[in-house]
Amino acid sequence: MSSREQRDYFSILKRYERQFESDELNDYKMLAKRHKDDEDLDKLSMQRLKKLYDKYHVNRERKNFEQFFKTPQTDSEDQSS
């Protein structure tokens, strides 16, 4: 696991810190301390971090609202007459 992926996980999970249960929060804080010390997480710790990520971070589809913001198209022939 690269430190870049680890950093991304922590930056995303930081938003959900208030939603963690007490034991999850303690676990997250311990992992965050190790991350702040520039320590690479071992395989088990990384699994716990991914588990928190999977539980709290939901990737939702972005809705396409382009149809509401498109300008009406006019023919160039109508403008020249």
Protein backbone atom coordinates (compact mmCIF):
# COMPACT_ATOMS: atom_id res chain seq x y z
CA MET A 1 0.00 0.00 0.00
CA SER A 2 1.46 3.30 -1.00
CA SER A 3 1.54 6.32 1.25
CA ARG A 4 -0.45 8.19 -1.37
CA GLU A 5 -3.42 5.82 -1.09
CA GLN A 6 -3.13 5.94 2.67
CA ARG A 7 -3.23 9.75 2.60
CA ASP A 8 -6.31 9.69 0.35
CA TYR A 9 -8.16 7.35 2.71
CA PHE A 10 -7.43 9.59 5.69
CA SER A 11 -8.44 12.77 3.88
CA ILE A 12 -11.79 11.23 2.92
CA LEU A 13 -12.45 9.65 6.32
CA LYS A 14 -11.74 12.93 8.09
CA ARG A 15 -15.15 14.17 6.91
CA TYR A 16 -16.91 11.25 8.60
CA GLU A 17 -15.12 11.40 11.95
CA ARG A 18 -18.23 12.64 13.79
CA GLN A 19 -20.30 9.68 12.56
CA PHE A 20 -17.93 7.00 13.88
CA GLU A 21 -19.00 4.83 16.79
CA SER A 22 -16.82 5.02 19.90
CA ASP A 23 -14.68 1.96 19.16
CA GLU A 24 -14.32 2.98 15.50
CA LEU A 25 -13.30 6.47 16.57
CA ASN A 26 -10.62 5.11 18.91
CA ASP A 27 -9.32 2.86 16.15
CA TYR A 28 -9.33 5.72 13.64
CA LYS A 29 -7.50 8.05 16.03
CA MET A 30 -4.82 5.43 16.63
CA LEU A 31 -4.37 4.95 12.89
CA ALA A 32 -4.34 8.73 12.34
CA LYS A 33 -1.55 9.14 14.90
CA ARG A 34 0.51 6.56 13.05
CA HIS A 35 -0.22 8.35 9.80
CA LYS A 36 0.86 11.71 11.23
CA ASP A 37 4.15 10.14 12.30
CA ASP A 38 4.72 9.26 8.61
CA GLU A 39 4.48 5.60 9.41
CA ASP A 40 3.28 3.21 6.73
CA LEU A 41 0.41 1.08 7.95
CA ASP A 42 0.79 -2.67 8.00
CA LYS A 43 -1.61 -4.97 6.17
CA LEU A 44 -4.03 -5.44 9.10
CA SER A 45 -4.18 -1.74 9.90
CA MET A 46 -4.79 -0.91 6.27
CA GLN A 47 -7.63 -3.43 6.19
CA ARG A 48 -9.25 -1.72 9.19
CA LEU A 49 -8.87 1.65 7.46
CA LYS A 50 -10.44 0.29 4.26
CA LYS A 51 -13.27 -1.21 6.30
CA LEU A 52 -14.08 2.22 7.75
CA TYR A 53 -13.82 3.74 4.29
CA ASP A 54 -16.20 1.17 2.79
CA LYS A 55 -18.68 1.62 5.61
CA TYR A 56 -18.90 5.42 5.61
CA HIS A 57 -17.89 6.66 2.18
CA VAL A 58 -20.63 5.94 -0.33
CA ASN A 59 -19.82 6.69 -3.94
CA ARG A 60 -23.08 7.90 -5.36
CA GLU A 61 -23.73 8.45 -9.02
CA ARG A 62 -23.68 12.07 -9.98
CA LYS A 63 -26.93 13.07 -11.57
CA ASN A 64 -26.78 14.75 -14.92
CA PHE A 65 -28.50 18.14 -14.74
CA GLU A 66 -27.15 19.38 -18.08
CA GLN A 67 -30.60 19.27 -19.60
CA PHE A 68 -31.75 22.04 -17.25
CA PHE A 69 -28.85 24.37 -18.02
CA LYS A 70 -28.63 24.11 -21.80
CA THR A 71 -29.41 27.25 -23.76
CA PRO A 72 -32.03 26.88 -26.46
CA GLN A 73 -30.41 26.38 -29.84
CA THR A 74 -31.47 28.55 -32.74
CA ASP A 75 -30.70 28.06 -36.39
CA SER A 76 -28.19 30.44 -37.91
CA GLU A 77 -30.46 30.87 -40.94
CA ASP A 78 -33.20 32.36 -38.78
CA GLN A 79 -30.81 34.98 -37.40
CA SER A 80 -29.56 36.11 -40.82
CA SER A 81 -33.05 36.82 -42.26
